[in-house]
Amino acid sequence: MKNREYQQIDPQALATPTPTPPPRSLPEHKPRRARRKWEVFPGKNRFYCDGRIIVARQSGVLPLTLGLILLTSGLFFIFDCPFLVKHLTSCIPAIGGVLFVFVIISLLQTSFTDPGILPRATPEEAADIEKQIDNPTGSSSSYRPPPRTKEVVINQQVVKLKYCFTCKIFRPPRTSHCSLCDNCVERFDHHCPWVGNCVGKRNYRFFYTFIVSLSFLTAFIFGCVTTHLALRSQGGNGLVNALQSSPASALELVVCFFSVWSILGLSGFHTYLVAANLTTNEDIKGSWSGKSGNEDVGNPYSYNSMIKNCCSVLCGPMPPSLIDRRGFVPSDDSVQTSPVEIELPAAKNDINMCTQGTKGLLETASRSPLLTSSCPQAKPQAAPAILEPLPEIVPSPALEQPKTSTGRQPASTPHKHHSHHRSKGKQAAHHTHKTTNSSPRPHHSHSSRRKDSKNRDPKFSSLR
């Protein structure tokens, strides 16, 4: 043989490794930020400062109102106050400053305060009420759906509560739905575009303070500007020279002249409403004044005293806000699954595994010959097994015949062995027949049986 050198083959060197692309970095699953309820508020409102400030969506007039107040007051403090302090008194800017602060604070409180919005009905409550109203299930033809109004008695006066199809609730007494804000407001007075918000139960006192303080501020500035121009026109200078020397005062005079009358009239009207414990909405509709056709109807909310009515409207306790603006919206991921939902898949898998295991066991057992032969419905299969001779030989004439020997002849045994085995079987049968007729001897029969078993064993006979 030739000497051959064997070199170990590297299996990795046979196949050229294909460059695998680097695994893509999956974006990290950031937990969803918990949303607050003001972010999903159904009404037409705008929220600022994380839900702390609420205004109407149509609040474009509010900057105009604030700008007019700041402009007029700024011109007054810059151009008029120095002259009046020099010629009259130093209390004028102090009084104007106090009124200005009251106006600004009350305006911001009116604009940024919840007017008394009522939360809408939950889906379950809304579905139940809508089913009763819109989808009557009565089988009789005389069935009537529930009415869209309810009647309650307040101070022996029947008051109707209307159903709001937007908020899906029956409105409490003195509640109305604002079409601009799309909310039901408790003790709804009116929607004021000048403040950019509805005026209701929770901000009416701020609104009344605003219009009263603004009327005083406007009248105060108007009087101070008139005094300033009158003092400048003295000494033969004339009004024209006074306006030329202080043009800002002329602008203030025009603004205050056209606004003071409307503001004073609005303040007087709301003073009447406060004294009578009425709202603008009720006064316009004539709910308790006989304009609606009910002449004998009186105001059930009045205390029959102007002082009590004023104290009830302006000095009563501040009701809490019913909308949780800064509360968190319940997340779907935080909903815990019930134990039944967790255990059902596992139990189902166990049942499937048990079923599959039982089926496999039955299929395996059905293939075995033992179950096939023992089954009464199946056909018995002949097993190729060699029957060995029984140790006890029953005394019968049929045993003397050579056919009652081992049965089948093994194919591997020679022919001479078969003949020798048959002769030995005849001798053993004849000897057994003789011992049976004579007196039984246990040791002789035992030895004959052992000898007979040896003679019958084909291996033993072949060795002999």
Protein backbone atom coordinates (compact mmCIF):
# COMPACT_ATOMS: atom_id res chain seq x y z
CA MET A 1 0.00 0.00 0.00
CA LYS A 2 1.07 3.44 -0.69
CA ASN A 3 1.56 5.73 2.17
CA ARG A 4 -1.21 8.25 2.16
CA GLU A 5 -1.43 11.31 4.22
CA TYR A 6 -4.76 12.25 5.63
CA GLN A 7 -5.61 15.82 6.34
CA GLN A 8 -8.42 16.75 8.64
CA ILE A 9 -11.09 18.66 6.81
CA ASP A 10 -12.71 21.52 8.56
CA PRO A 11 -16.45 21.31 7.87
CA GLN A 12 -16.82 25.02 8.41
CA ALA A 13 -14.28 25.74 5.65
CA LEU A 14 -16.28 23.81 3.05
CA ALA A 15 -19.33 26.03 3.11
CA THR A 16 -18.73 29.71 2.69
CA PRO A 17 -20.57 31.47 5.49
CA THR A 18 -23.24 33.81 4.24
CA PRO A 19 -23.11 37.18 5.91
CA THR A 20 -26.06 37.49 8.23
CA PRO A 21 -27.55 40.95 8.57
CA PRO A 22 -27.28 42.45 12.00
CA PRO A 23 -30.42 42.03 14.06
CA ARG A 24 -32.70 44.98 13.90
CA SER A 25 -32.99 46.81 17.09
CA LEU A 26 -36.65 46.70 17.96
CA PRO A 27 -38.02 49.95 19.27
CA GLU A 28 -38.45 49.88 22.96
CA HIS A 29 -42.04 49.66 24.04
CA LYS A 30 -42.59 52.83 25.92
CA PRO A 31 -45.42 52.78 28.38
CA ARG A 32 -48.35 54.82 27.24
CA ARG A 33 -48.71 58.07 29.08
CA ALA A 34 -51.77 58.16 31.24
CA ARG A 35 -54.24 60.59 29.76
CA ARG A 36 -56.31 62.94 31.82
CA LYS A 37 -60.03 63.38 31.45
CA TRP A 38 -59.80 66.90 30.07
CA GLU A 39 -58.01 65.47 27.01
CA VAL A 40 -61.05 63.38 26.09
CA PHE A 41 -63.71 65.83 27.24
CA PRO A 42 -66.73 65.59 24.90
CA GLY A 43 -67.75 69.26 25.15
CA LYS A 44 -66.58 72.13 22.95
CA ASN A 45 -64.16 73.60 25.44
CA ARG A 46 -60.47 74.37 25.56
CA PHE A 47 -58.25 73.51 28.48
CA TYR A 48 -54.96 75.06 29.52
CA CYS A 49 -52.44 74.51 32.31
CA ASP A 50 -53.08 70.76 32.40
CA GLY A 51 -56.84 71.16 32.74
CA ARG A 52 -56.80 73.85 35.40
CA ILE A 53 -58.17 76.51 33.02
CA ILE A 54 -61.34 75.95 31.00
CA VAL A 55 -62.69 78.34 28.36
CA ALA A 56 -65.13 78.11 25.50
CA ARG A 57 -63.90 77.27 22.05
CA GLN A 58 -65.36 80.52 20.69
CA SER A 59 -63.30 82.69 23.03
CA GLY A 60 -62.00 85.13 20.42
CA VAL A 61 -63.78 88.10 22.02
CA LEU A 62 -62.07 87.59 25.39
CA PRO A 63 -58.70 89.02 24.20
CA LEU A 64 -60.58 92.02 22.82
CA THR A 65 -62.27 92.63 26.16
CA LEU A 66 -59.01 92.26 28.04
CA GLY A 67 -57.19 94.47 25.55
CA LEU A 68 -59.73 97.29 25.80
CA ILE A 69 -59.55 97.26 29.60
CA LEU A 70 -55.75 97.23 29.65
CA LEU A 71 -55.46 99.92 26.98
CA THR A 72 -57.94 102.30 28.57
CA SER A 73 -56.57 101.82 32.08
CA GLY A 74 -52.97 102.12 30.88
CA LEU A 75 -53.63 105.42 29.11
CA PHE A 76 -55.40 106.71 32.17
CA PHE A 77 -52.54 105.86 34.55
CA ILE A 78 -49.90 107.23 32.15
CA PHE A 79 -51.43 110.51 30.87
CA ASP A 80 -54.21 111.52 33.28
CA CYS A 81 -53.12 110.44 36.73
CA PRO A 82 -49.95 112.61 36.88
CA PHE A 83 -51.89 115.77 36.08
CA LEU A 84 -54.71 114.94 38.51
CA VAL A 85 -52.27 114.10 41.33
CA LYS A 86 -50.52 117.44 40.78
CA HIS A 87 -53.69 119.56 40.69
CA LEU A 88 -56.16 117.54 42.81
CA THR A 89 -55.21 114.61 45.06
CA SER A 90 -53.05 111.51 45.14
CA CYS A 91 -56.01 109.26 45.97
CA ILE A 92 -57.13 109.12 42.35
CA PRO A 93 -54.55 106.57 41.14
CA ALA A 94 -55.09 104.49 44.30
CA ILE A 95 -58.83 104.27 43.72
CA GLY A 96 -58.31 103.52 40.05
CA GLY A 97 -55.77 100.81 40.89
CA VAL A 98 -58.13 99.04 43.28
CA LEU A 99 -60.95 99.06 40.74
CA PHE A 100 -58.60 97.85 38.00
CA VAL A 101 -57.43 94.91 40.11
CA PHE A 102 -61.02 93.93 40.91
CA VAL A 103 -61.95 94.03 37.23
CA ILE A 104 -59.03 91.91 36.05
CA ILE A 105 -59.36 89.29 38.78
CA SER A 106 -63.11 88.90 38.38
CA LEU A 107 -62.78 88.71 34.59
CA LEU A 108 -60.19 85.94 34.76
CA GLN A 109 -62.21 84.03 37.34
CA THR A 110 -65.32 84.26 35.20
CA SER A 111 -63.50 83.12 32.08
CA PHE A 112 -61.39 80.31 33.56
CA THR A 113 -63.85 78.78 36.06
CA ASP A 114 -66.10 75.81 35.41
CA PRO A 115 -69.57 77.37 35.11
CA GLY A 116 -71.26 74.25 36.49
CA ILE A 117 -71.00 71.71 33.68
CA LEU A 118 -72.86 68.48 34.35
CA PRO A 119 -71.14 65.23 33.34
CA ARG A 120 -72.81 63.23 30.64
CA ALA A 121 -74.44 59.91 31.28
CA THR A 122 -72.41 56.73 31.10
CA PRO A 123 -73.00 54.44 28.09
CA GLU A 124 -74.98 52.02 30.24
CA GLU A 125 -77.27 54.74 31.58
CA ALA A 126 -77.65 56.33 28.16
CA ALA A 127 -78.49 53.01 26.50
CA ASP A 128 -81.10 52.21 29.12
CA ILE A 129 -82.81 55.60 28.84
CA GLU A 130 -82.64 55.67 25.04
CA LYS A 131 -84.15 52.19 24.89
CA GLN A 132 -87.06 53.30 27.03
CA ILE A 133 -87.64 56.46 25.00
CA ASP A 134 -86.83 55.56 21.39
CA ASN A 135 -87.33 51.77 21.24
CA PRO A 136 -90.45 50.80 23.14
CA THR A 137 -90.78 47.01 23.42
CA GLY A 138 -94.37 46.92 24.56
CA SER A 139 -96.43 44.29 22.81
CA SER A 140 -99.77 46.01 23.31
CA SER A 141 -100.88 48.70 20.90
CA SER A 142 -101.74 51.02 23.78
CA TYR A 143 -98.09 51.14 24.93
CA ARG A 144 -96.67 54.63 25.21
CA PRO A 145 -92.95 55.38 25.55
CA PRO A 146 -91.79 57.21 28.64
CA PRO A 147 -92.24 60.98 28.35
CA ARG A 148 -89.30 63.25 27.58
CA THR A 149 -90.07 65.36 30.62
CA LYS A 150 -90.38 64.71 34.31
CA GLU A 151 -92.30 66.73 36.84
CA VAL A 152 -91.04 67.58 40.30
CA VAL A 153 -92.56 69.76 42.99
CA ILE A 154 -90.47 72.64 44.39
CA ASN A 155 -92.09 74.87 47.03
CA GLN A 156 -95.54 73.62 46.00
CA GLN A 157 -94.76 74.51 42.40
CA VAL A 158 -94.61 71.94 39.58
CA VAL A 159 -91.34 72.15 37.66
CA LYS A 160 -90.70 70.18 34.48
CA LEU A 161 -87.36 68.50 33.88
CA LYS A 162 -86.52 68.13 30.20
CA TYR A 163 -84.48 65.31 28.73
CA CYS A 164 -81.23 66.26 26.96
CA PHE A 165 -80.54 64.03 23.97
CA THR A 166 -76.93 65.22 23.80
CA CYS A 167 -75.92 64.58 27.39
CA LYS A 168 -78.41 61.68 27.79
CA ILE A 169 -79.70 62.96 31.12
CA PHE A 170 -82.78 64.61 32.54
CA ARG A 171 -81.72 68.17 33.25
CA PRO A 172 -81.95 69.23 36.88
CA PRO A 173 -84.00 72.33 37.73
CA ARG A 174 -82.71 75.58 36.18
CA THR A 175 -80.32 73.64 33.94
CA SER A 176 -80.04 74.29 30.22
CA HIS A 177 -77.87 73.01 27.40
CA CYS A 178 -75.51 75.56 25.83
CA SER A 179 -75.30 75.07 22.08
CA LEU A 180 -71.95 76.87 21.80
CA CYS A 181 -70.17 74.91 24.52
CA ASP A 182 -72.22 71.73 23.95
CA ASN A 183 -72.67 71.18 27.68
CA CYS A 184 -75.50 71.14 30.17
CA VAL A 185 -74.79 73.93 32.68
CA GLU A 186 -76.38 74.01 36.10
CA ARG A 187 -78.33 77.20 36.83
CA PHE A 188 -77.57 78.38 33.31
CA ASP A 189 -77.73 82.16 32.97
CA HIS A 190 -76.35 82.86 29.49
CA HIS A 191 -73.31 82.38 27.29
CA CYS A 192 -71.25 85.56 27.41
CA PRO A 193 -68.88 86.01 24.44
CA TRP A 194 -67.16 88.95 26.17
CA VAL A 195 -65.78 86.67 28.86
CA GLY A 196 -65.42 83.63 26.59
CA ASN A 197 -67.38 81.25 28.78
CA CYS A 198 -70.82 80.26 29.94
CA VAL A 199 -72.21 81.95 33.04
CA GLY A 200 -73.72 79.48 35.44
CA LYS A 201 -73.98 78.42 39.03
CA ARG A 202 -70.25 78.32 39.79
CA ASN A 203 -69.09 81.56 38.13
CA TYR A 204 -72.12 83.83 38.28
CA ARG A 205 -70.83 85.64 41.38
CA PHE A 206 -67.56 86.38 39.57
CA PHE A 207 -69.44 87.63 36.54
CA TYR A 208 -71.59 89.93 38.65
CA THR A 209 -68.49 91.27 40.43
CA PHE A 210 -66.84 91.83 37.06
CA ILE A 211 -69.63 93.87 35.47
CA VAL A 212 -70.23 95.93 38.62
CA SER A 213 -66.53 96.70 39.14
CA LEU A 214 -66.10 97.39 35.42
CA SER A 215 -69.00 99.82 35.47
CA PHE A 216 -67.42 101.62 38.42
CA LEU A 217 -64.01 101.68 36.74
CA THR A 218 -65.44 102.94 33.45
CA ALA A 219 -67.43 105.65 35.18
CA PHE A 220 -64.42 106.60 37.31
CA ILE A 221 -62.10 106.89 34.30
CA PHE A 222 -64.73 108.80 32.34
CA GLY A 223 -65.13 111.30 35.18
CA CYS A 224 -61.38 111.70 35.70
CA VAL A 225 -60.73 112.26 31.98
CA THR A 226 -63.52 114.84 31.81
CA THR A 227 -62.04 116.65 34.84
CA HIS A 228 -58.59 116.56 33.29
CA LEU A 229 -59.78 118.14 30.04
CA ALA A 230 -61.85 120.71 31.92
CA LEU A 231 -58.83 121.81 33.97
CA ARG A 232 -56.68 122.07 30.86
CA SER A 233 -59.28 124.15 29.02
CA GLN A 234 -59.31 126.78 31.76
CA GLY A 235 -57.33 129.98 31.35
CA GLY A 236 -58.52 130.70 27.83
CA ASN A 237 -56.91 127.65 26.22
CA GLY A 238 -60.21 126.14 25.11
CA LEU A 239 -61.28 122.51 24.66
CA VAL A 240 -59.51 122.15 21.33
CA ASN A 241 -56.15 123.12 22.81
CA ALA A 242 -56.78 120.73 25.72
CA LEU A 243 -57.45 117.83 23.33
CA GLN A 244 -54.33 118.69 21.32
CA SER A 245 -52.18 118.81 24.43
CA SER A 246 -53.49 115.42 25.65
CA PRO A 247 -54.69 113.30 22.69
CA ALA A 248 -54.73 110.10 24.79
CA SER A 249 -57.41 111.63 27.00
CA ALA A 250 -59.57 112.16 23.93
CA LEU A 251 -59.30 108.46 23.06
CA GLU A 252 -60.21 107.45 26.60
CA LEU A 253 -63.16 109.77 26.56
CA VAL A 254 -64.59 108.22 23.40
CA VAL A 255 -64.12 104.63 24.60
CA CYS A 256 -65.63 105.26 28.01
CA PHE A 257 -68.53 107.26 26.62
CA PHE A 258 -69.75 104.45 24.37
CA SER A 259 -69.15 101.67 26.87
CA VAL A 260 -70.27 103.12 30.17
CA TRP A 261 -73.94 103.16 29.24
CA SER A 262 -74.08 99.54 28.16
CA ILE A 263 -72.04 98.41 31.15
CA LEU A 264 -74.17 100.36 33.60
CA GLY A 265 -77.35 99.01 32.01
CA LEU A 266 -76.04 95.44 32.19
CA SER A 267 -75.09 95.88 35.83
CA GLY A 268 -78.53 97.23 36.68
CA PHE A 269 -80.28 94.38 34.89
CA HIS A 270 -78.29 91.70 36.72
CA THR A 271 -78.84 93.50 40.01
CA TYR A 272 -82.55 93.08 39.42
CA LEU A 273 -82.07 89.37 38.60
CA VAL A 274 -80.04 88.82 41.75
CA ALA A 275 -82.64 90.55 43.89
CA ALA A 276 -85.42 88.40 42.37
CA ASN A 277 -83.32 85.21 42.32
CA LEU A 278 -83.81 84.78 38.58
CA THR A 279 -81.55 83.96 35.66
CA THR A 280 -81.29 85.63 32.28
CA ASN A 281 -82.58 82.47 30.61
CA GLU A 282 -85.66 82.35 32.86
CA ASP A 283 -86.33 86.05 32.41
CA ILE A 284 -86.14 85.88 28.62
CA LYS A 285 -88.41 82.83 28.45
CA GLY A 286 -90.73 84.30 31.04
CA SER A 287 -90.87 81.09 33.03
CA TRP A 288 -92.02 82.78 36.27
CA SER A 289 -93.17 86.20 35.09
CA GLY A 290 -96.36 85.24 33.24
CA LYS A 291 -94.84 85.67 29.75
CA SER A 292 -95.20 81.96 29.01
CA GLY A 293 -98.98 82.04 29.55
CA ASN A 294 -99.03 80.91 33.17
CA GLU A 295 -100.18 84.02 35.01
CA ASP A 296 -100.56 82.36 38.40
CA VAL A 297 -97.07 80.84 38.34
CA GLY A 298 -94.57 82.29 40.80
CA ASN A 299 -90.85 81.86 41.19
CA PRO A 300 -90.33 78.75 43.35
CA TYR A 301 -86.67 79.64 43.99
CA SER A 302 -87.26 83.06 45.51
CA TYR A 303 -86.99 83.57 49.29
CA ASN A 304 -89.44 86.50 49.10
CA SER A 305 -86.70 88.80 50.37
CA MET A 306 -84.17 90.82 48.38
CA ILE A 307 -81.46 90.44 51.01
CA LYS A 308 -81.92 86.67 51.24
CA ASN A 309 -81.93 86.33 47.49
CA CYS A 310 -78.72 88.38 47.17
CA CYS A 311 -77.02 86.38 49.90
CA SER A 312 -78.16 83.10 48.34
CA VAL A 313 -76.82 83.99 44.89
CA LEU A 314 -73.64 85.91 45.75
CA CYS A 315 -72.61 84.74 49.21
CA GLY A 316 -73.64 81.09 49.22
CA PRO A 317 -71.14 78.23 49.46
CA MET A 318 -69.14 77.52 46.34
CA PRO A 319 -70.39 74.22 44.86
CA PRO A 320 -67.69 71.78 43.76
CA SER A 321 -66.98 71.04 40.12
CA LEU A 322 -68.75 67.90 38.93
CA ILE A 323 -66.30 67.17 36.11
CA ASP A 324 -63.01 65.66 37.19
CA ARG A 325 -60.88 67.52 34.65
CA ARG A 326 -57.50 66.47 36.01
CA GLY A 327 -58.45 62.89 36.76
CA PHE A 328 -56.85 60.05 34.83
CA VAL A 329 -58.68 58.08 32.18
CA PRO A 330 -58.78 54.36 33.10
CA SER A 331 -56.46 52.50 30.73
CA ASP A 332 -57.47 49.25 28.99
CA ASP A 333 -54.18 47.62 29.88
CA SER A 334 -54.79 48.10 33.58
CA VAL A 335 -57.98 46.04 33.47
CA GLN A 336 -57.20 42.78 35.19
CA THR A 337 -58.31 39.55 33.56
CA SER A 338 -60.61 37.41 35.59
CA PRO A 339 -59.26 34.09 36.93
CA VAL A 340 -61.68 32.17 34.74
CA GLU A 341 -60.22 33.72 31.59
CA ILE A 342 -56.72 32.81 32.71
CA GLU A 343 -57.41 29.18 33.62
CA LEU A 344 -59.58 28.22 30.67
CA PRO A 345 -56.81 28.02 28.02
CA ALA A 346 -54.59 25.90 30.29
CA ALA A 347 -57.43 23.53 31.10
CA LYS A 348 -58.27 23.26 27.43
CA ASN A 349 -54.69 22.36 26.54
CA ASP A 350 -54.61 19.72 29.25
CA ILE A 351 -57.79 18.19 27.93
CA ASN A 352 -56.40 18.13 24.39
CA MET A 353 -53.18 16.50 25.57
CA CYS A 354 -55.09 13.87 27.51
CA THR A 355 -57.31 13.16 24.53
CA GLN A 356 -54.36 12.86 22.18
CA GLY A 357 -52.50 10.59 24.63
CA THR A 358 -55.49 8.28 24.98
CA LYS A 359 -55.95 8.08 21.23
CA GLY A 360 -52.27 7.25 20.71
CA LEU A 361 -52.38 4.56 23.37
CA LEU A 362 -55.44 2.95 21.79
CA GLU A 363 -53.87 3.03 18.34
CA THR A 364 -50.65 1.43 19.62
CA ALA A 365 -52.51 -1.24 21.56
CA SER A 366 -54.77 -2.08 18.63
CA ARG A 367 -51.72 -2.97 16.53
CA SER A 368 -50.45 -5.58 19.04
CA PRO A 369 -51.41 -9.31 18.31
CA LEU A 370 -52.50 -9.84 21.89
CA LEU A 371 -55.39 -7.42 21.72
CA THR A 372 -56.22 -8.48 18.20
CA SER A 373 -56.55 -12.15 19.11
CA SER A 374 -58.34 -11.52 22.37
CA CYS A 375 -60.89 -9.18 20.83
CA PRO A 376 -64.10 -11.13 20.16
CA GLN A 377 -64.94 -9.07 17.08
CA ALA A 378 -61.55 -9.38 15.43
CA LYS A 379 -60.41 -12.38 13.46
CA PRO A 380 -57.93 -14.58 15.36
CA GLN A 381 -54.51 -14.71 13.77
CA ALA A 382 -52.55 -17.98 13.86
CA ALA A 383 -49.35 -17.45 15.80
CA PRO A 384 -46.42 -19.58 14.50
CA ALA A 385 -45.48 -21.08 17.87
CA ILE A 386 -44.23 -24.68 18.58
CA LEU A 387 -46.36 -26.46 21.12
CA GLU A 388 -44.27 -28.26 23.72
CA PRO A 389 -45.52 -31.57 25.23
CA LEU A 390 -47.37 -31.44 28.47
CA PRO A 391 -45.60 -32.95 31.47
CA GLU A 392 -48.63 -35.12 32.37
CA ILE A 393 -49.89 -37.60 29.80
CA VAL A 394 -53.53 -38.49 30.00
CA PRO A 395 -54.08 -42.26 29.66
CA SER A 396 -55.96 -42.54 26.43
CA PRO A 397 -55.79 -44.98 23.55
CA ALA A 398 -55.31 -42.08 21.23
CA LEU A 399 -51.94 -41.38 22.81
CA GLU A 400 -50.53 -44.63 21.40
CA GLN A 401 -50.87 -43.27 17.92
CA PRO A 402 -47.84 -41.36 16.66
CA LYS A 403 -50.01 -38.41 15.59
CA THR A 404 -50.46 -37.26 19.19
CA SER A 405 -46.80 -36.40 19.61
CA THR A 406 -45.30 -32.98 19.33
CA GLY A 407 -47.67 -31.95 16.59
CA ARG A 408 -45.63 -30.04 14.00
CA GLN A 409 -42.22 -31.34 13.02
CA PRO A 410 -39.43 -28.81 13.11
CA ALA A 411 -37.86 -28.32 9.73
CA SER A 412 -34.29 -28.11 11.08
CA THR A 413 -34.38 -31.67 12.68
CA PRO A 414 -33.06 -34.64 10.55
CA HIS A 415 -35.32 -37.50 9.54
CA LYS A 416 -33.61 -40.11 11.69
CA HIS A 417 -34.12 -38.05 14.75
CA HIS A 418 -37.85 -38.00 14.05
CA SER A 419 -38.07 -41.78 13.83
CA HIS A 420 -36.10 -42.26 17.00
CA HIS A 421 -38.36 -39.76 18.78
CA ARG A 422 -41.50 -41.64 17.66
CA SER A 423 -40.16 -45.01 18.91
CA LYS A 424 -39.32 -43.57 22.24
CA GLY A 425 -42.78 -42.09 22.48
CA LYS A 426 -44.41 -45.49 21.88
CA GLN A 427 -42.32 -47.13 24.58
CA ALA A 428 -43.12 -44.38 27.07
CA ALA A 429 -46.85 -44.62 26.32
CA HIS A 430 -46.82 -48.42 26.72
CA HIS A 431 -44.92 -48.17 29.98
CA THR A 432 -47.30 -45.59 31.32
CA HIS A 433 -50.28 -47.77 30.46
CA LYS A 434 -48.83 -50.60 32.48
CA THR A 435 -48.12 -48.47 35.52
CA THR A 436 -51.61 -47.12 35.48
CA ASN A 437 -53.20 -50.56 35.74
CA SER A 438 -50.91 -51.67 38.55
CA SER A 439 -50.50 -50.16 42.00
CA PRO A 440 -49.31 -46.55 41.81
CA ARG A 441 -45.74 -45.82 42.84
CA PRO A 442 -44.91 -42.19 43.13
CA HIS A 443 -41.15 -42.49 42.74
CA HIS A 444 -41.48 -44.83 39.76
CA SER A 445 -43.98 -42.64 38.00
CA HIS A 446 -41.82 -39.60 38.69
CA SER A 447 -38.77 -41.24 37.20
CA SER A 448 -40.73 -42.44 34.21
CA ARG A 449 -42.07 -38.97 33.66
CA ARG A 450 -38.58 -37.50 33.81
CA LYS A 451 -37.32 -40.17 31.43
CA ASP A 452 -40.22 -39.63 29.13
CA SER A 453 -39.62 -35.87 29.07
CA LYS A 454 -36.00 -36.53 28.23
CA ASN A 455 -36.95 -38.90 25.48
CA ARG A 456 -39.45 -36.46 24.10
CA ASP A 457 -37.03 -33.54 24.06
CA PRO A 458 -35.64 -33.34 20.51
CA LYS A 459 -32.40 -31.77 21.68
CA PHE A 460 -31.79 -34.53 24.18
CA SER A 461 -32.50 -37.25 21.62
CA SER A 462 -30.12 -35.68 19.15
CA LEU A 463 -27.34 -35.62 21.73
CA ARG A 464 -27.82 -39.30 22.42
